[in-house]
């Protein structure tokens, strides 16, 4: 499986969420709403999730092994580092 496209919306904001990403695999399957989060000067990727009735969150799409997670995270963070900033709308 190969990531064939990554779209990044990088935000110029003070919040911990720095960007939203969409990735496409093999030009035929897309995953949207992947978050790029910065916390304690470390950037990481949070997969799309939904809030459950008890207030917790559950991923709705995620890699099932460490190799896939590292592949996705590395590709998304590389794209994030090269994406232009989008200024906040007032």
C-alpha atoms as a PDB file:
ATOM      1  CA  UNK A   1       0.000   0.000   0.000  1.00  0.00           C
ATOM      2  CA  UNK A   2       1.377   3.366  -1.028  1.00  0.00           C
ATOM      3  CA  UNK A   3       0.376   6.895  -0.068  1.00  0.00           C
ATOM      4  CA  UNK A   4      -0.227   8.558  -3.418  1.00  0.00           C
ATOM      5  CA  UNK A   5      -1.457  11.968  -2.256  1.00  0.00           C
ATOM      6  CA  UNK A   6      -1.407  14.100   0.876  1.00  0.00           C
ATOM      7  CA  UNK A   7      -3.330  17.347   1.331  1.00  0.00           C
ATOM      8  CA  UNK A   8      -2.443  19.530   4.315  1.00  0.00           C
ATOM      9  CA  UNK A   9      -4.217  22.576   5.716  1.00  0.00           C
ATOM     10  CA  UNK A  10      -1.639  24.115   8.040  1.00  0.00           C
ATOM     11  CA  UNK A  11      -2.905  26.738  10.489  1.00  0.00           C
ATOM     12  CA  UNK A  12      -1.077  29.785  11.840  1.00  0.00           C
ATOM     13  CA  UNK A  13      -2.612  29.559  15.286  1.00  0.00           C
ATOM     14  CA  UNK A  14      -1.590  29.252  18.910  1.00  0.00           C
ATOM     15  CA  UNK A  15      -3.701  26.129  19.464  1.00  0.00           C
ATOM     16  CA  UNK A  16      -2.163  22.672  19.759  1.00  0.00           C
ATOM     17  CA  UNK A  17      -3.803  21.547  16.512  1.00  0.00           C
ATOM     18  CA  UNK A  18      -1.453  22.758  13.791  1.00  0.00           C
ATOM     19  CA  UNK A  19      -2.967  21.159  10.673  1.00  0.00           C
ATOM     20  CA  UNK A  20      -5.563  18.835   9.187  1.00  0.00           C
ATOM     21  CA  UNK A  21      -4.500  16.249   6.619  1.00  0.00           C
ATOM     22  CA  UNK A  22      -6.157  14.004   4.075  1.00  0.00           C
ATOM     23  CA  UNK A  23      -4.238  11.089   2.614  1.00  0.00           C
ATOM     24  CA  UNK A  24      -4.962   8.894  -0.377  1.00  0.00           C
ATOM     25  CA  UNK A  25      -3.733   5.309  -0.687  1.00  0.00           C
ATOM     26  CA  UNK A  26      -3.072   3.747  -4.091  1.00  0.00           C
ATOM     27  CA  UNK A  27      -5.121   6.488  -5.807  1.00  0.00           C
ATOM     28  CA  UNK A  28      -8.286   4.723  -4.610  1.00  0.00           C
ATOM     29  CA  UNK A  29      -8.877   5.117  -0.844  1.00  0.00           C
ATOM     30  CA  UNK A  30      -8.863   8.359   1.174  1.00  0.00           C
ATOM     31  CA  UNK A  31      -8.701   9.085   4.897  1.00  0.00           C
ATOM     32  CA  UNK A  32      -9.721  12.608   5.962  1.00  0.00           C
ATOM     33  CA  UNK A  33      -9.496  14.626   9.187  1.00  0.00           C
ATOM     34  CA  UNK A  34      -6.085  13.418  10.325  1.00  0.00           C
ATOM     35  CA  UNK A  35      -4.867  15.973  12.856  1.00  0.00           C
ATOM     36  CA  UNK A  36      -1.320  17.247  13.284  1.00  0.00           C
ATOM     37  CA  UNK A  37      -0.859  18.161  16.945  1.00  0.00           C
ATOM     38  CA  UNK A  38       2.033  19.930  18.644  1.00  0.00           C
ATOM     39  CA  UNK A  39       2.503  19.298  22.357  1.00  0.00           C
ATOM     40  CA  UNK A  40       5.636  20.099  24.359  1.00  0.00           C
ATOM     41  CA  UNK A  41       7.517  20.965  21.135  1.00  0.00           C
ATOM     42  CA  UNK A  42       6.776  17.507  19.673  1.00  0.00           C
ATOM     43  CA  UNK A  43       4.623  17.084  16.579  1.00  0.00           C
ATOM     44  CA  UNK A  44       2.500  13.959  16.237  1.00  0.00           C
ATOM     45  CA  UNK A  45      -0.406  12.649  14.169  1.00  0.00           C
ATOM     46  CA  UNK A  46      -3.874  11.866  15.575  1.00  0.00           C
ATOM     47  CA  UNK A  47      -6.120   9.708  13.460  1.00  0.00           C
ATOM     48  CA  UNK A  48      -9.765  10.664  12.758  1.00  0.00           C
ATOM     49  CA  UNK A  49     -12.039   9.939  15.699  1.00  0.00           C
ATOM     50  CA  UNK A  50     -15.526  10.356  17.078  1.00  0.00           C
ATOM     51  CA  UNK A  51     -16.759  11.261  20.553  1.00  0.00           C
ATOM     52  CA  UNK A  52     -18.596   8.487  22.373  1.00  0.00           C
ATOM     53  CA  UNK A  53     -21.569   9.022  24.698  1.00  0.00           C
ATOM     54  CA  UNK A  54     -19.280   8.786  27.739  1.00  0.00           C
ATOM     55  CA  UNK A  55     -17.161  11.690  26.445  1.00  0.00           C
ATOM     56  CA  UNK A  56     -14.182   9.583  25.360  1.00  0.00           C
ATOM     57  CA  UNK A  57     -12.912   9.388  21.792  1.00  0.00           C
ATOM     58  CA  UNK A  58     -12.497   6.380  19.512  1.00  0.00           C
ATOM     59  CA  UNK A  59     -10.500   6.292  16.268  1.00  0.00           C
ATOM     60  CA  UNK A  60     -12.668   5.626  13.220  1.00  0.00           C
ATOM     61  CA  UNK A  61      -9.682   4.813  10.995  1.00  0.00           C
ATOM     62  CA  UNK A  62      -6.206   3.843  12.100  1.00  0.00           C
ATOM     63  CA  UNK A  63      -3.181   1.730  11.183  1.00  0.00           C
ATOM     64  CA  UNK A  64      -3.111  -1.690  12.826  1.00  0.00           C
ATOM     65  CA  UNK A  65       0.656  -2.141  13.129  1.00  0.00           C
ATOM     66  CA  UNK A  66       3.645  -0.002  14.058  1.00  0.00           C
ATOM     67  CA  UNK A  67       5.124  -0.048  10.549  1.00  0.00           C
ATOM     68  CA  UNK A  68       1.949   1.364   8.995  1.00  0.00           C
ATOM     69  CA  UNK A  69       1.654   3.978  11.762  1.00  0.00           C
ATOM     70  CA  UNK A  70       5.264   5.097  11.247  1.00  0.00           C
ATOM     71  CA  UNK A  71       4.793   5.232   7.455  1.00  0.00           C
ATOM     72  CA  UNK A  72       1.664   7.397   7.732  1.00  0.00           C
ATOM     73  CA  UNK A  73       3.010   9.618  10.502  1.00  0.00           C
ATOM     74  CA  UNK A  74       6.303  10.229   8.699  1.00  0.00           C
ATOM     75  CA  UNK A  75       4.576  11.096   5.414  1.00  0.00           C
ATOM     76  CA  UNK A  76       2.042  13.426   7.065  1.00  0.00           C
ATOM     77  CA  UNK A  77       4.660  15.219   9.192  1.00  0.00           C
ATOM     78  CA  UNK A  78       6.938  15.679   6.154  1.00  0.00           C
ATOM     79  CA  UNK A  79       4.024  17.172   4.205  1.00  0.00           C
ATOM     80  CA  UNK A  80       3.117  19.365   7.197  1.00  0.00           C
ATOM     81  CA  UNK A  81       6.685  20.694   7.456  1.00  0.00           C
ATOM     82  CA  UNK A  82       6.570  21.728   3.781  1.00  0.00           C
ATOM     83  CA  UNK A  83       3.015  23.147   3.700  1.00  0.00           C
ATOM     84  CA  UNK A  84       2.323  26.895   3.635  1.00  0.00           C
ATOM     85  CA  UNK A  85       0.528  28.468   6.597  1.00  0.00           C
ATOM     86  CA  UNK A  86      -3.128  29.478   6.346  1.00  0.00           C
ATOM     87  CA  UNK A  87      -3.814  32.632   8.363  1.00  0.00           C
ATOM     88  CA  UNK A  88      -6.678  32.498  10.879  1.00  0.00           C
ATOM     89  CA  UNK A  89      -9.891  34.130   9.734  1.00  0.00           C
ATOM     90  CA  UNK A  90     -11.130  36.805  12.119  1.00  0.00           C
END
